[in-house]
PDB file of all heavy atoms in Angstrom:
ATOM      1  N   GLY A   1     -14.177 -13.074  -3.311  1.00  0.00           N
ATOM      2  CA  GLY A   1     -13.755 -11.757  -2.849  1.00  0.00           C
ATOM      3  C   GLY A   1     -14.836 -11.027  -2.072  1.00  0.00           C
ATOM      4  O   GLY A   1     -14.575 -10.445  -1.010  1.00  0.00           O
ATOM      5  N   SER A   2     -16.069 -11.045  -2.576  1.00  0.00           N
ATOM      6  CA  SER A   2     -17.153 -10.303  -1.909  1.00  0.00           C
ATOM      7  C   SER A   2     -17.452 -10.881  -0.525  1.00  0.00           C
ATOM      8  O   SER A   2     -17.694 -10.132   0.430  1.00  0.00           O
ATOM      9  CB  SER A   2     -18.418 -10.303  -2.776  1.00  0.00           C
ATOM     10  OG  SER A   2     -18.868 -11.622  -3.036  1.00  0.00           O
ATOM     11  N   HIS A   3     -17.417 -12.202  -0.413  1.00  0.00           N
ATOM     12  CA  HIS A   3     -17.650 -12.816   0.903  1.00  0.00           C
ATOM     13  C   HIS A   3     -16.520 -12.478   1.874  1.00  0.00           C
ATOM     14  O   HIS A   3     -16.750 -12.292   3.073  1.00  0.00           O
ATOM     15  CB  HIS A   3     -17.799 -14.334   0.756  1.00  0.00           C
ATOM     16  CG  HIS A   3     -19.088 -14.755   0.124  1.00  0.00           C
ATOM     17  ND1 HIS A   3     -19.286 -14.741  -1.243  1.00  0.00           N
ATOM     18  CD2 HIS A   3     -20.259 -15.184   0.662  1.00  0.00           C
ATOM     19  CE1 HIS A   3     -20.526 -15.153  -1.506  1.00  0.00           C
ATOM     20  NE2 HIS A   3     -21.131 -15.414  -0.368  1.00  0.00           N
ATOM     21  N   THR A   4     -15.304 -12.384   1.348  1.00  0.00           N
ATOM     22  CA  THR A   4     -14.161 -12.049   2.200  1.00  0.00           C
ATOM     23  C   THR A   4     -14.229 -10.593   2.646  1.00  0.00           C
ATOM     24  O   THR A   4     -13.896 -10.273   3.797  1.00  0.00           O
ATOM     25  CB  THR A   4     -12.842 -12.354   1.472  1.00  0.00           C
ATOM     26  OG1 THR A   4     -12.833 -13.730   1.098  1.00  0.00           O
ATOM     27  CG2 THR A   4     -11.641 -12.061   2.343  1.00  0.00           C
ATOM     28  N   VAL A   5     -14.677  -9.702   1.756  1.00  0.00           N
ATOM     29  CA  VAL A   5     -14.866  -8.298   2.142  1.00  0.00           C
ATOM     30  C   VAL A   5     -15.831  -8.199   3.322  1.00  0.00           C
ATOM     31  O   VAL A   5     -15.583  -7.477   4.297  1.00  0.00           O
ATOM     32  CB  VAL A   5     -15.374  -7.465   0.940  1.00  0.00           C
ATOM     33  CG1 VAL A   5     -15.817  -6.074   1.397  1.00  0.00           C
ATOM     34  CG2 VAL A   5     -14.290  -7.352  -0.128  1.00  0.00           C
ATOM     35  N   VAL A   6     -16.930  -8.942   3.250  1.00  0.00           N
ATOM     36  CA  VAL A   6     -17.911  -8.936   4.344  1.00  0.00           C
ATOM     37  C   VAL A   6     -17.266  -9.389   5.656  1.00  0.00           C
ATOM     38  O   VAL A   6     -17.433  -8.741   6.708  1.00  0.00           O
ATOM     39  CB  VAL A   6     -19.126  -9.830   3.993  1.00  0.00           C
ATOM     40  CG1 VAL A   6     -19.980 -10.115   5.226  1.00  0.00           C
ATOM     41  CG2 VAL A   6     -19.965  -9.173   2.905  1.00  0.00           C
ATOM     42  N   GLU A   7     -16.521 -10.491   5.605  1.00  0.00           N
ATOM     43  CA  GLU A   7     -15.891 -11.013   6.829  1.00  0.00           C
ATOM     44  C   GLU A   7     -14.863 -10.027   7.382  1.00  0.00           C
ATOM     45  O   GLU A   7     -14.749  -9.856   8.607  1.00  0.00           O
ATOM     46  CB  GLU A   7     -15.239 -12.368   6.561  1.00  0.00           C
ATOM     47  CG  GLU A   7     -16.220 -13.480   6.193  1.00  0.00           C
ATOM     48  CD  GLU A   7     -17.286 -13.722   7.250  1.00  0.00           C
ATOM     49  OE1 GLU A   7     -16.962 -13.713   8.454  1.00  0.00           O
ATOM     50  OE2 GLU A   7     -18.460 -13.911   6.875  1.00  0.00           O
ATOM     51  N   LEU A   8     -14.098  -9.383   6.497  1.00  0.00           N
ATOM     52  CA  LEU A   8     -13.124  -8.388   6.947  1.00  0.00           C
ATOM     53  C   LEU A   8     -13.818  -7.204   7.622  1.00  0.00           C
ATOM     54  O   LEU A   8     -13.402  -6.750   8.698  1.00  0.00           O
ATOM     55  CB  LEU A   8     -12.301  -7.881   5.755  1.00  0.00           C
ATOM     56  CG  LEU A   8     -11.250  -8.825   5.179  1.00  0.00           C
ATOM     57  CD1 LEU A   8     -10.790  -8.333   3.809  1.00  0.00           C
ATOM     58  CD2 LEU A   8     -10.043  -8.960   6.118  1.00  0.00           C
ATOM     59  N   GLN A   9     -14.871  -6.710   6.985  1.00  0.00           N
ATOM     60  CA  GLN A   9     -15.585  -5.568   7.555  1.00  0.00           C
ATOM     61  C   GLN A   9     -16.202  -5.925   8.904  1.00  0.00           C
ATOM     62  O   GLN A   9     -16.167  -5.116   9.840  1.00  0.00           O
ATOM     63  CB  GLN A   9     -16.668  -5.083   6.591  1.00  0.00           C
ATOM     64  CG  GLN A   9     -16.119  -4.390   5.365  1.00  0.00           C
ATOM     65  CD  GLN A   9     -17.214  -3.858   4.455  1.00  0.00           C
ATOM     66  OE1 GLN A   9     -18.316  -4.409   4.402  1.00  0.00           O
ATOM     67  NE2 GLN A   9     -16.918  -2.794   3.735  1.00  0.00           N
ATOM     68  N   GLU A  10     -16.729  -7.134   9.007  1.00  0.00           N
ATOM     69  CA  GLU A  10     -17.342  -7.548  10.269  1.00  0.00           C
ATOM     70  C   GLU A  10     -16.307  -7.739  11.378  1.00  0.00           C
ATOM     71  O   GLU A  10     -16.661  -7.735  12.553  1.00  0.00           O
ATOM     72  CB  GLU A  10     -18.194  -8.803  10.055  1.00  0.00           C
ATOM     73  CG  GLU A  10     -19.444  -8.483   9.223  1.00  0.00           C
ATOM     74  CD  GLU A  10     -20.398  -9.651   9.051  1.00  0.00           C
ATOM     75  OE1 GLU A  10     -19.969 -10.803   9.232  1.00  0.00           O
ATOM     76  OE2 GLU A  10     -21.575  -9.390   8.717  1.00  0.00           O
ATOM     77  N   ARG A  11     -15.037  -7.887  10.987  1.00  0.00           N
ATOM     78  CA  ARG A  11     -13.946  -7.956  11.959  1.00  0.00           C
ATOM     79  C   ARG A  11     -13.314  -6.593  12.221  1.00  0.00           C
ATOM     80  O   ARG A  11     -12.332  -6.485  12.950  1.00  0.00           O
ATOM     81  CB  ARG A  11     -12.871  -8.934  11.459  1.00  0.00           C
ATOM     82  CG  ARG A  11     -13.220 -10.400  11.637  1.00  0.00           C
ATOM     83  CD  ARG A  11     -13.175 -10.823  13.107  1.00  0.00           C
ATOM     84  NE  ARG A  11     -11.898 -10.431  13.705  1.00  0.00           N
ATOM     85  CZ  ARG A  11     -10.783 -11.146  13.591  1.00  0.00           C
ATOM     86  NH1 ARG A  11     -10.786 -12.289  12.928  1.00  0.00           N
ATOM     87  NH2 ARG A  11      -9.666 -10.720  14.141  1.00  0.00           N
ATOM     88  N   GLY A  12     -13.866  -5.546  11.608  1.00  0.00           N
ATOM     89  CA  GLY A  12     -13.399  -4.202  11.912  1.00  0.00           C
ATOM     90  C   GLY A  12     -12.339  -3.646  10.983  1.00  0.00           C
ATOM     91  O   GLY A  12     -11.808  -2.555  11.224  1.00  0.00           O
ATOM     92  N   PHE A  13     -12.004  -4.371   9.912  1.00  0.00           N
ATOM     93  CA  PHE A  13     -11.032  -3.859   8.949  1.00  0.00           C
ATOM     94  C   PHE A  13     -11.688  -2.852   8.005  1.00  0.00           C
ATOM     95  O   PHE A  13     -12.883  -2.937   7.714  1.00  0.00           O
ATOM     96  CB  PHE A  13     -10.429  -5.006   8.122  1.00  0.00           C
ATOM     97  CG  PHE A  13      -9.498  -5.904   8.904  1.00  0.00           C
ATOM     98  CD1 PHE A  13      -9.921  -7.155   9.329  1.00  0.00           C
ATOM     99  CD2 PHE A  13      -8.207  -5.497   9.199  1.00  0.00           C
ATOM    100  CE1 PHE A  13      -9.076  -7.991  10.051  1.00  0.00           C
ATOM    101  CE2 PHE A  13      -7.347  -6.325   9.904  1.00  0.00           C
ATOM    102  CZ  PHE A  13      -7.781  -7.570  10.342  1.00  0.00           C
ATOM    103  N   ASP A  14     -10.883  -1.940   7.501  1.00  0.00           N
ATOM    104  CA  ASP A  14     -11.288  -0.986   6.467  1.00  0.00           C
ATOM    105  C   ASP A  14     -10.868  -1.595   5.120  1.00  0.00           C
ATOM    106  O   ASP A  14      -9.709  -1.949   4.950  1.00  0.00           O
ATOM    107  CB  ASP A  14     -10.576   0.344   6.720  1.00  0.00           C
ATOM    108  CG  ASP A  14     -10.889   1.378   5.654  1.00  0.00           C
ATOM    109  OD1 ASP A  14     -11.990   1.328   5.082  1.00  0.00           O
ATOM    110  OD2 ASP A  14     -10.017   2.224   5.390  1.00  0.00           O
ATOM    111  N   VAL A  15     -11.803  -1.728   4.185  1.00  0.00           N
ATOM    112  CA  VAL A  15     -11.532  -2.455   2.940  1.00  0.00           C
ATOM    113  C   VAL A  15     -11.597  -1.533   1.736  1.00  0.00           C
ATOM    114  O   VAL A  15     -12.506  -0.706   1.617  1.00  0.00           O
ATOM    115  CB  VAL A  15     -12.529  -3.626   2.751  1.00  0.00           C
ATOM    116  CG1 VAL A  15     -12.285  -4.337   1.422  1.00  0.00           C
ATOM    117  CG2 VAL A  15     -12.434  -4.611   3.912  1.00  0.00           C
ATOM    118  N   VAL A  16     -10.618  -1.688   0.852  1.00  0.00           N
ATOM    119  CA  VAL A  16     -10.692  -1.060  -0.467  1.00  0.00           C
ATOM    120  C   VAL A  16     -10.607  -2.170  -1.511  1.00  0.00           C
ATOM    121  O   VAL A  16      -9.781  -3.079  -1.397  1.00  0.00           O
ATOM    122  CB  VAL A  16      -9.592   0.007  -0.682  1.00  0.00           C
ATOM    123  CG1 VAL A  16      -8.203  -0.551  -0.433  1.00  0.00           C
ATOM    124  CG2 VAL A  16      -9.675   0.613  -2.084  1.00  0.00           C
ATOM    125  N   ILE A  17     -11.493  -2.117  -2.494  1.00  0.00           N
ATOM    126  CA  ILE A  17     -11.580  -3.141  -3.541  1.00  0.00           C
ATOM    127  C   ILE A  17     -11.009  -2.600  -4.840  1.00  0.00           C
ATOM    128  O   ILE A  17     -11.279  -1.461  -5.221  1.00  0.00           O
ATOM    129  CB  ILE A  17     -13.053  -3.557  -3.773  1.00  0.00           C
ATOM    130  CG1 ILE A  17     -13.618  -4.280  -2.558  1.00  0.00           C
ATOM    131  CG2 ILE A  17     -13.191  -4.425  -5.034  1.00  0.00           C
ATOM    132  CD1 ILE A  17     -15.125  -4.522  -2.639  1.00  0.00           C
ATOM    133  N   VAL A  18     -10.220  -3.429  -5.525  1.00  0.00           N
ATOM    134  CA  VAL A  18      -9.860  -3.176  -6.924  1.00  0.00           C
ATOM    135  C   VAL A  18     -10.427  -4.322  -7.750  1.00  0.00           C
ATOM    136  O   VAL A  18     -10.196  -5.500  -7.435  1.00  0.00           O
ATOM    137  CB  VAL A  18      -8.335  -3.096  -7.125  1.00  0.00           C
ATOM    138  CG1 VAL A  18      -7.991  -3.113  -8.615  1.00  0.00           C
ATOM    139  CG2 VAL A  18      -7.770  -1.846  -6.474  1.00  0.00           C
ATOM    140  N   ASP A  19     -11.196  -3.996  -8.790  1.00  0.00           N
ATOM    141  CA  ASP A  19     -11.768  -5.025  -9.659  1.00  0.00           C
ATOM    142  C   ASP A  19     -12.005  -4.411 -11.031  1.00  0.00           C
ATOM    143  O   ASP A  19     -12.409  -3.248 -11.119  1.00  0.00           O
ATOM    144  CB  ASP A  19     -13.092  -5.544  -9.079  1.00  0.00           C
ATOM    145  CG  ASP A  19     -13.450  -6.936  -9.573  1.00  0.00           C
ATOM    146  OD1 ASP A  19     -13.530  -7.124 -10.814  1.00  0.00           O
ATOM    147  OD2 ASP A  19     -13.665  -7.839  -8.737  1.00  0.00           O
ATOM    148  N   ASN A  20     -11.748  -5.176 -12.085  1.00  0.00           N
ATOM    149  CA  ASN A  20     -12.031  -4.649 -13.432  1.00  0.00           C
ATOM    150  C   ASN A  20     -13.430  -5.035 -13.916  1.00  0.00           C
ATOM    151  O   ASN A  20     -13.812  -4.709 -15.042  1.00  0.00           O
ATOM    152  CB  ASN A  20     -10.966  -5.100 -14.434  1.00  0.00           C
ATOM    153  CG  ASN A  20     -10.975  -6.599 -14.686  1.00  0.00           C
ATOM    154  OD1 ASN A  20     -11.801  -7.340 -14.126  1.00  0.00           O
ATOM    155  ND2 ASN A  20     -10.060  -7.074 -15.523  1.00  0.00           N
ATOM    156  N   LEU A  21     -14.184  -5.754 -13.076  1.00  0.00           N
ATOM    157  CA  LEU A  21     -15.570  -6.154 -13.361  1.00  0.00           C
ATOM    158  C   LEU A  21     -15.682  -7.054 -14.593  1.00  0.00           C
ATOM    159  O   LEU A  21     -16.736  -7.118 -15.221  1.00  0.00           O
ATOM    160  CB  LEU A  21     -16.488  -4.924 -13.506  1.00  0.00           C
ATOM    161  CG  LEU A  21     -16.565  -4.005 -12.280  1.00  0.00           C
ATOM    162  CD1 LEU A  21     -17.480  -2.811 -12.566  1.00  0.00           C
ATOM    163  CD2 LEU A  21     -17.063  -4.760 -11.050  1.00  0.00           C
ATOM    164  N   SER A  22     -14.630  -7.772 -14.915  1.00  0.00           N
ATOM    165  CA  SER A  22     -14.690  -8.676 -16.072  1.00  0.00           C
ATOM    166  C   SER A  22     -15.535  -9.915 -15.770  1.00  0.00           C
ATOM    167  O   SER A  22     -16.061 -10.544 -16.680  1.00  0.00           O
ATOM    168  CB  SER A  22     -13.281  -9.104 -16.501  1.00  0.00           C
ATOM    169  OG  SER A  22     -12.654  -9.859 -15.490  1.00  0.00           O
ATOM    170  N   ASN A  23     -15.661 -10.274 -14.487  1.00  0.00           N
ATOM    171  CA  ASN A  23     -16.479 -11.437 -14.144  1.00  0.00           C
ATOM    172  C   ASN A  23     -17.307 -11.165 -12.889  1.00  0.00           C
ATOM    173  O   ASN A  23     -17.545 -12.052 -12.073  1.00  0.00           O
ATOM    174  CB  ASN A  23     -15.602 -12.678 -13.942  1.00  0.00           C
ATOM    175  CG  ASN A  23     -16.427 -13.954 -13.930  1.00  0.00           C
ATOM    176  OD1 ASN A  23     -17.409 -14.085 -14.661  1.00  0.00           O
ATOM    177  ND2 ASN A  23     -16.056 -14.898 -13.079  1.00  0.00           N
ATOM    178  N   SER A  24     -17.715  -9.906 -12.728  1.00  0.00           N
ATOM    179  CA  SER A  24     -18.546  -9.540 -11.577  1.00  0.00           C
ATOM    180  C   SER A  24     -19.321  -8.273 -11.919  1.00  0.00           C
ATOM    181  O   SER A  24     -19.138  -7.702 -12.993  1.00  0.00           O
ATOM    182  CB  SER A  24     -17.673  -9.319 -10.335  1.00  0.00           C
ATOM    183  OG  SER A  24     -16.751  -8.266 -10.550  1.00  0.00           O
ATOM    184  N   GLN A  25     -20.161  -7.862 -10.974  1.00  0.00           N
ATOM    185  CA  GLN A  25     -21.031  -6.713 -11.244  1.00  0.00           C
ATOM    186  C   GLN A  25     -20.910  -5.677 -10.136  1.00  0.00           C
ATOM    187  O   GLN A  25     -20.773  -6.023  -8.957  1.00  0.00           O
ATOM    188  CB  GLN A  25     -22.489  -7.181 -11.385  1.00  0.00           C
ATOM    189  CG  GLN A  25     -22.679  -8.108 -12.583  1.00  0.00           C
ATOM    190  CD  GLN A  25     -24.075  -8.715 -12.652  1.00  0.00           C
ATOM    191  OE1 GLN A  25     -24.800  -8.737 -11.674  1.00  0.00           O
ATOM    192  NE2 GLN A  25     -24.438  -9.204 -13.839  1.00  0.00           N
ATOM    193  N   ILE A  26     -21.010  -4.417 -10.509  1.00  0.00           N
ATOM    194  CA  ILE A  26     -20.837  -3.317  -9.567  1.00  0.00           C
ATOM    195  C   ILE A  26     -21.903  -3.332  -8.467  1.00  0.00           C
ATOM    196  O   ILE A  26     -21.679  -2.865  -7.342  1.00  0.00           O
ATOM    197  CB  ILE A  26     -20.838  -1.958 -10.316  1.00  0.00           C
ATOM    198  CG1 ILE A  26     -20.331  -0.829  -9.412  1.00  0.00           C
ATOM    199  CG2 ILE A  26     -22.212  -1.641 -10.894  1.00  0.00           C
ATOM    200  CD1 ILE A  26     -18.877  -0.912  -9.061  1.00  0.00           C
ATOM    201  N   GLU A  27     -23.070  -3.917  -8.774  1.00  0.00           N
ATOM    202  CA  GLU A  27     -24.165  -3.962  -7.790  1.00  0.00           C
ATOM    203  C   GLU A  27     -23.791  -4.762  -6.542  1.00  0.00           C
ATOM    204  O   GLU A  27     -24.447  -4.644  -5.498  1.00  0.00           O
ATOM    205  CB  GLU A  27     -25.426  -4.558  -8.422  1.00  0.00           C
ATOM    206  CG  GLU A  27     -26.101  -3.674  -9.452  1.00  0.00           C
ATOM    207  CD  GLU A  27     -25.399  -3.666 -10.807  1.00  0.00           C
ATOM    208  OE1 GLU A  27     -24.560  -4.574 -11.061  1.00  0.00           O
ATOM    209  OE2 GLU A  27     -25.665  -2.741 -11.606  1.00  0.00           O
ATOM    210  N   VAL A  28     -22.752  -5.583  -6.652  1.00  0.00           N
ATOM    211  CA  VAL A  28     -22.283  -6.347  -5.481  1.00  0.00           C
ATOM    212  C   VAL A  28     -21.950  -5.400  -4.328  1.00  0.00           C
ATOM    213  O   VAL A  28     -22.169  -5.729  -3.156  1.00  0.00           O
ATOM    214  CB  VAL A  28     -21.056  -7.211  -5.866  1.00  0.00           C
ATOM    215  CG1 VAL A  28     -20.391  -7.815  -4.632  1.00  0.00           C
ATOM    216  CG2 VAL A  28     -21.481  -8.318  -6.823  1.00  0.00           C
ATOM    217  N   LEU A  29     -21.446  -4.207  -4.644  1.00  0.00           N
ATOM    218  CA  LEU A  29     -21.114  -3.231  -3.597  1.00  0.00           C
ATOM    219  C   LEU A  29     -22.352  -2.856  -2.784  1.00  0.00           C
ATOM    220  O   LEU A  29     -22.282  -2.693  -1.560  1.00  0.00           O
ATOM    221  CB  LEU A  29     -20.500  -1.970  -4.211  1.00  0.00           C
ATOM    222  CG  LEU A  29     -19.150  -2.121  -4.917  1.00  0.00           C
ATOM    223  CD1 LEU A  29     -18.748  -0.805  -5.560  1.00  0.00           C
ATOM    224  CD2 LEU A  29     -18.073  -2.604  -3.961  1.00  0.00           C
ATOM    225  N   ASP A  30     -23.494  -2.722  -3.459  1.00  0.00           N
ATOM    226  CA  ASP A  30     -24.747  -2.397  -2.766  1.00  0.00           C
ATOM    227  C   ASP A  30     -25.099  -3.489  -1.767  1.00  0.00           C
ATOM    228  O   ASP A  30     -25.531  -3.207  -0.638  1.00  0.00           O
ATOM    229  CB  ASP A  30     -25.900  -2.237  -3.765  1.00  0.00           C
ATOM    230  CG  ASP A  30     -25.665  -1.111  -4.766  1.00  0.00           C
ATOM    231  OD1 ASP A  30     -24.948  -0.155  -4.414  1.00  0.00           O
ATOM    232  OD2 ASP A  30     -26.183  -1.218  -5.900  1.00  0.00           O
ATOM    233  N   ASN A  31     -24.901  -4.737  -2.182  1.00  0.00           N
ATOM    234  CA  ASN A  31     -25.294  -5.858  -1.321  1.00  0.00           C
ATOM    235  C   ASN A  31     -24.319  -6.070  -0.170  1.00  0.00           C
ATOM    236  O   ASN A  31     -24.726  -6.468   0.921  1.00  0.00           O
ATOM    237  CB  ASN A  31     -25.464  -7.110  -2.166  1.00  0.00           C
ATOM    238  CG  ASN A  31     -26.655  -7.010  -3.098  1.00  0.00           C
ATOM    239  OD1 ASN A  31     -27.627  -6.322  -2.790  1.00  0.00           O
ATOM    240  ND2 ASN A  31     -26.594  -7.661  -4.246  1.00  0.00           N
ATOM    241  N   ILE A  32     -23.041  -5.798  -0.409  1.00  0.00           N
ATOM    242  CA  ILE A  32     -22.087  -5.819   0.708  1.00  0.00           C
ATOM    243  C   ILE A  32     -22.515  -4.793   1.753  1.00  0.00           C
ATOM    244  O   ILE A  32     -22.533  -5.068   2.964  1.00  0.00           O
ATOM    245  CB  ILE A  32     -20.652  -5.531   0.211  1.00  0.00           C
ATOM    246  CG1 ILE A  32     -20.118  -6.712  -0.611  1.00  0.00           C
ATOM    247  CG2 ILE A  32     -19.716  -5.227   1.385  1.00  0.00           C
ATOM    248  CD1 ILE A  32     -18.794  -6.433  -1.314  1.00  0.00           C
ATOM    249  N   GLU A  33     -22.895  -3.594   1.273  1.00  0.00           N
ATOM    250  CA  GLU A  33     -23.316  -2.528   2.183  1.00  0.00           C
ATOM    251  C   GLU A  33     -24.585  -2.914   2.948  1.00  0.00           C
ATOM    252  O   GLU A  33     -24.725  -2.596   4.143  1.00  0.00           O
ATOM    253  CB  GLU A  33     -23.542  -1.237   1.398  1.00  0.00           C
ATOM    254  CG  GLU A  33     -23.826  -0.031   2.278  1.00  0.00           C
ATOM    255  CD  GLU A  33     -23.943   1.269   1.484  1.00  0.00           C
ATOM    256  OE1 GLU A  33     -23.959   1.214   0.233  1.00  0.00           O
ATOM    257  OE2 GLU A  33     -24.009   2.328   2.127  1.00  0.00           O
ATOM    258  N   LYS A  34     -25.500  -3.627   2.283  1.00  0.00           N
ATOM    259  CA  LYS A  34     -26.721  -4.070   2.969  1.00  0.00           C
ATOM    260  C   LYS A  34     -26.389  -5.045   4.103  1.00  0.00           C
ATOM    261  O   LYS A  34     -27.045  -5.037   5.151  1.00  0.00           O
ATOM    262  CB  LYS A  34     -27.669  -4.760   1.977  1.00  0.00           C
ATOM    263  CG  LYS A  34     -28.412  -3.799   1.064  1.00  0.00           C
ATOM    264  CD  LYS A  34     -29.255  -4.569   0.060  1.00  0.00           C
ATOM    265  CE  LYS A  34     -29.837  -3.629  -0.991  1.00  0.00           C
ATOM    266  NZ  LYS A  34     -30.507  -4.379  -2.073  1.00  0.00           N
TER     267      LYS A  34
END
C-alpha cells in the first residue's frame, strides 16, 4: 500500500489512506512525505 501511495502521488493523484495499523506503523506517513 505505501509503495502504491507513492506511485499515485507521483502521478498527480490525491490520496487518502484508511488503515487500522494492525500490521503497519504510523511513521510510514512521514516517509511517504519525505
